[in-house]
PDB file of N, CA and C in Angstrom:
ATOM      1  N   MET A   1      19.244   8.016  33.200  1.00  0.00           N
ATOM      2  CA  MET A   1      18.668   6.688  33.138  1.00  0.00           C
ATOM      3  C   MET A   1      18.130   6.364  31.745  1.00  0.00           C
ATOM      4  N   THR A   2      17.486   7.331  31.108  1.00  0.00           N
ATOM      5  CA  THR A   2      16.899   7.039  29.808  1.00  0.00           C
ATOM      6  C   THR A   2      17.943   6.890  28.726  1.00  0.00           C
ATOM      7  N   ALA A   3      19.108   7.465  28.911  1.00  0.00           N
ATOM      8  CA  ALA A   3      20.149   7.346  27.897  1.00  0.00           C
ATOM      9  C   ALA A   3      20.727   5.936  27.866  1.00  0.00           C
ATOM     10  N   GLN A   4      20.630   5.226  28.969  1.00  0.00           N
ATOM     11  CA  GLN A   4      21.185   3.884  29.034  1.00  0.00           C
ATOM     12  C   GLN A   4      20.145   2.801  28.746  1.00  0.00           C
ATOM     13  N   ALA A   5      18.921   3.217  28.478  1.00  0.00           N
ATOM     14  CA  ALA A   5      17.865   2.233  28.239  1.00  0.00           C
ATOM     15  C   ALA A   5      18.097   1.548  26.898  1.00  0.00           C
ATOM     16  N   LYS A   6      17.875   0.245  26.893  1.00  0.00           N
ATOM     17  CA  LYS A   6      18.031  -0.520  25.661  1.00  0.00           C
ATOM     18  C   LYS A   6      16.753  -0.458  24.845  1.00  0.00           C
ATOM     19  N   LYS A   7      16.903  -0.558  23.547  1.00  0.00           N
ATOM     20  CA  LYS A   7      15.737  -0.571  22.677  1.00  0.00           C
ATOM     21  C   LYS A   7      15.021  -1.908  22.844  1.00  0.00           C
ATOM     22  N   PRO A   8      13.704  -1.897  22.860  1.00  0.00           N
ATOM     23  CA  PRO A   8      12.979  -3.163  23.027  1.00  0.00           C
ATOM     24  C   PRO A   8      13.133  -4.045  21.797  1.00  0.00           C
ATOM     25  N   THR A   9      13.386  -5.291  22.044  1.00  0.00           N
ATOM     26  CA  THR A   9      13.481  -6.262  20.952  1.00  0.00           C
ATOM     27  C   THR A   9      12.305  -7.204  21.067  1.00  0.00           C
ATOM     28  N   GLY A  10      11.556  -7.341  19.961  1.00  0.00           N
ATOM     29  CA  GLY A  10      10.381  -8.206  19.964  1.00  0.00           C
ATOM     30  C   GLY A  10      10.758  -9.652  19.738  1.00  0.00           C
ATOM     31  N   SER A  11       9.776 -10.511  19.775  1.00  0.00           N
ATOM     32  CA  SER A  11      10.019 -11.929  19.554  1.00  0.00           C
ATOM     33  C   SER A  11      10.157 -12.245  18.068  1.00  0.00           C
ATOM     34  N   VAL A  12       9.731 -11.310  17.205  1.00  0.00           N
ATOM     35  CA  VAL A  12       9.823 -11.519  15.769  1.00  0.00           C
ATOM     36  C   VAL A  12      11.091 -10.840  15.265  1.00  0.00           C
ATOM     37  N   PRO A  13      11.970 -11.570  14.598  1.00  0.00           N
ATOM     38  CA  PRO A  13      13.193 -10.926  14.099  1.00  0.00           C
ATOM     39  C   PRO A  13      12.877  -9.938  12.985  1.00  0.00           C
ATOM     40  N   GLN A  14      13.550  -8.822  13.007  1.00  0.00           N
ATOM     41  CA  GLN A  14      13.323  -7.764  12.025  1.00  0.00           C
ATOM     42  C   GLN A  14      14.133  -8.078  10.770  1.00  0.00           C
ATOM     43  N   THR A  15      13.453  -8.136   9.651  1.00  0.00           N
ATOM     44  CA  THR A  15      14.142  -8.362   8.384  1.00  0.00           C
ATOM     45  C   THR A  15      14.325  -7.031   7.682  1.00  0.00           C
ATOM     46  N   SER A  16      14.729  -7.062   6.436  1.00  0.00           N
ATOM     47  CA  SER A  16      14.865  -5.818   5.689  1.00  0.00           C
ATOM     48  C   SER A  16      13.489  -5.253   5.380  1.00  0.00           C
ATOM     49  N   LYS A  17      13.417  -4.232   4.568  1.00  0.00           N
ATOM     50  CA  LYS A  17      12.126  -3.600   4.310  1.00  0.00           C
ATOM     51  C   LYS A  17      11.151  -4.597   3.677  1.00  0.00           C
ATOM     52  N   PRO A  18       9.900  -4.555   4.073  1.00  0.00           N
ATOM     53  CA  PRO A  18       8.931  -5.523   3.546  1.00  0.00           C
ATOM     54  C   PRO A  18       8.593  -5.233   2.091  1.00  0.00           C
ATOM     55  N   PRO A  19       8.366  -6.252   1.289  1.00  0.00           N
ATOM     56  CA  PRO A  19       8.045  -6.028  -0.121  1.00  0.00           C
ATOM     57  C   PRO A  19       6.590  -5.617  -0.304  1.00  0.00           C
ATOM     58  N   TYR A  20       6.377  -4.465  -0.877  1.00  0.00           N
ATOM     59  CA  TYR A  20       5.027  -3.978  -1.107  1.00  0.00           C
ATOM     60  C   TYR A  20       4.653  -4.052  -2.580  1.00  0.00           C
ATOM     61  N   THR A  21       5.275  -4.920  -3.350  1.00  0.00           N
ATOM     62  CA  THR A  21       5.008  -4.964  -4.783  1.00  0.00           C
ATOM     63  C   THR A  21       3.606  -5.478  -5.074  1.00  0.00           C
ATOM     64  N   PHE A  22       3.178  -6.520  -4.376  1.00  0.00           N
ATOM     65  CA  PHE A  22       1.844  -7.070  -4.611  1.00  0.00           C
ATOM     66  C   PHE A  22       0.773  -6.079  -4.184  1.00  0.00           C
ATOM     67  N   ARG A  23       0.953  -5.462  -3.042  1.00  0.00           N
ATOM     68  CA  ARG A  23      -0.009  -4.483  -2.546  1.00  0.00           C
ATOM     69  C   ARG A  23      -0.087  -3.285  -3.488  1.00  0.00           C
ATOM     70  N   THR A  24       1.051  -2.856  -4.011  1.00  0.00           N
ATOM     71  CA  THR A  24       1.076  -1.724  -4.936  1.00  0.00           C
ATOM     72  C   THR A  24       0.402  -2.084  -6.252  1.00  0.00           C
ATOM     73  N   ALA A  25       0.604  -3.295  -6.739  1.00  0.00           N
ATOM     74  CA  ALA A  25      -0.021  -3.720  -7.989  1.00  0.00           C
ATOM     75  C   ALA A  25      -1.545  -3.775  -7.847  1.00  0.00           C
ATOM     76  N   ILE A  26      -2.022  -4.303  -6.737  1.00  0.00           N
ATOM     77  CA  ILE A  26      -3.467  -4.354  -6.499  1.00  0.00           C
ATOM     78  C   ILE A  26      -4.037  -2.949  -6.390  1.00  0.00           C
ATOM     79  N   PHE A  27      -3.312  -2.045  -5.721  1.00  0.00           N
ATOM     80  CA  PHE A  27      -3.766  -0.665  -5.581  1.00  0.00           C
ATOM     81  C   PHE A  27      -3.876   0.023  -6.938  1.00  0.00           C
ATOM     82  N   ILE A  28      -2.878  -0.154  -7.797  1.00  0.00           N
ATOM     83  CA  ILE A  28      -2.909   0.483  -9.115  1.00  0.00           C
ATOM     84  C   ILE A  28      -4.019  -0.103  -9.976  1.00  0.00           C
ATOM     85  N   PHE A  29      -4.234  -1.416  -9.858  1.00  0.00           N
ATOM     86  CA  PHE A  29      -5.312  -2.061 -10.608  1.00  0.00           C
ATOM     87  C   PHE A  29      -6.677  -1.525 -10.187  1.00  0.00           C
ATOM     88  N   LEU A  30      -6.905  -1.412  -8.883  1.00  0.00           N
ATOM     89  CA  LEU A  30      -8.191  -0.900  -8.402  1.00  0.00           C
ATOM     90  C   LEU A  30      -8.366   0.578  -8.733  1.00  0.00           C
ATOM     91  N   LEU A  31      -7.287   1.332  -8.721  1.00  0.00           N
ATOM     92  CA  LEU A  31      -7.366   2.745  -9.085  1.00  0.00           C
ATOM     93  C   LEU A  31      -7.709   2.910 -10.553  1.00  0.00           C
ATOM     94  N   ALA A  32      -7.169   2.046 -11.406  1.00  0.00           N
ATOM     95  CA  ALA A  32      -7.499   2.105 -12.833  1.00  0.00           C
ATOM     96  C   ALA A  32      -8.973   1.781 -13.061  1.00  0.00           C
ATOM     97  N   ILE A  33      -9.482   0.775 -12.363  1.00  0.00           N
ATOM     98  CA  ILE A  33     -10.906   0.442 -12.483  1.00  0.00           C
ATOM     99  C   ILE A  33     -11.760   1.613 -12.005  1.00  0.00           C
ATOM    100  N   ASN A  34     -11.321   2.271 -10.938  1.00  0.00           N
ATOM    101  CA  ASN A  34     -12.048   3.415 -10.412  1.00  0.00           C
ATOM    102  C   ASN A  34     -12.122   4.538 -11.446  1.00  0.00           C
ATOM    103  N   PHE A  35     -11.024   4.801 -12.152  1.00  0.00           N
ATOM    104  CA  PHE A  35     -11.026   5.843 -13.180  1.00  0.00           C
ATOM    105  C   PHE A  35     -11.916   5.460 -14.357  1.00  0.00           C
ATOM    106  N   VAL A  36     -11.953   4.187 -14.709  1.00  0.00           N
ATOM    107  CA  VAL A  36     -12.816   3.745 -15.806  1.00  0.00           C
ATOM    108  C   VAL A  36     -14.284   3.913 -15.419  1.00  0.00           C
ATOM    109  N   VAL A  37     -14.634   3.542 -14.199  1.00  0.00           N
ATOM    110  CA  VAL A  37     -16.015   3.697 -13.745  1.00  0.00           C
ATOM    111  C   VAL A  37     -16.393   5.176 -13.673  1.00  0.00           C
ATOM    112  N   ALA A  38     -15.476   6.028 -13.228  1.00  0.00           N
ATOM    113  CA  ALA A  38     -15.753   7.460 -13.168  1.00  0.00           C
ATOM    114  C   ALA A  38     -15.928   8.032 -14.570  1.00  0.00           C
ATOM    115  N   ALA A  39     -15.137   7.577 -15.529  1.00  0.00           N
ATOM    116  CA  ALA A  39     -15.276   8.045 -16.909  1.00  0.00           C
ATOM    117  C   ALA A  39     -16.609   7.592 -17.501  1.00  0.00           C
ATOM    118  N   MET A  40     -17.057   6.398 -17.149  1.00  0.00           N
ATOM    119  CA  MET A  40     -18.365   5.947 -17.617  1.00  0.00           C
ATOM    120  C   MET A  40     -19.479   6.767 -16.967  1.00  0.00           C
ATOM    121  N   TYR A  41     -19.310   7.110 -15.709  1.00  0.00           N
ATOM    122  CA  TYR A  41     -20.334   7.875 -14.999  1.00  0.00           C
ATOM    123  C   TYR A  41     -20.480   9.282 -15.588  1.00  0.00           C
ATOM    124  N   PHE A  42     -19.354   9.909 -15.925  1.00  0.00           N
ATOM    125  CA  PHE A  42     -19.390  11.262 -16.484  1.00  0.00           C
ATOM    126  C   PHE A  42     -19.510  11.262 -18.000  1.00  0.00           C
ATOM    127  N   HIS A  43     -19.825  10.125 -18.593  1.00  0.00           N
ATOM    128  CA  HIS A  43     -20.060   9.959 -20.037  1.00  0.00           C
ATOM    129  C   HIS A  43     -18.862  10.391 -20.867  1.00  0.00           C
ATOM    130  N   ILE A  44     -17.667  10.185 -20.343  1.00  0.00           N
ATOM    131  CA  ILE A  44     -16.466  10.432 -21.140  1.00  0.00           C
ATOM    132  C   ILE A  44     -16.245   9.264 -22.079  1.00  0.00           C
ATOM    133  N   ILE A  45     -16.493   8.051 -21.582  1.00  0.00           N
ATOM    134  CA  ILE A  45     -16.515   6.873 -22.455  1.00  0.00           C
ATOM    135  C   ILE A  45     -17.900   6.263 -22.346  1.00  0.00           C
ATOM    136  N   ASN A  46     -18.418   5.805 -23.461  1.00  0.00           N
ATOM    137  CA  ASN A  46     -19.729   5.193 -23.494  1.00  0.00           C
ATOM    138  C   ASN A  46     -19.614   3.768 -24.038  1.00  0.00           C
ATOM    139  N   PRO A  47     -19.695   2.794 -23.155  1.00  0.00           N
ATOM    140  CA  PRO A  47     -19.558   1.401 -23.624  1.00  0.00           C
ATOM    141  C   PRO A  47     -20.775   0.946 -24.413  1.00  0.00           C
TER     142      PRO A  47
END
């Protein structure tokens, strides 16, 4: 019975892979700020 079961299809059509470029850019930007703040905290850079 399970071999003949159909895969569930949702009401939202499935497109190709979602673009994560904006999310990745924001992540890299926040990570860079985090490293700058950590460097200031450990007195590696002194503004």
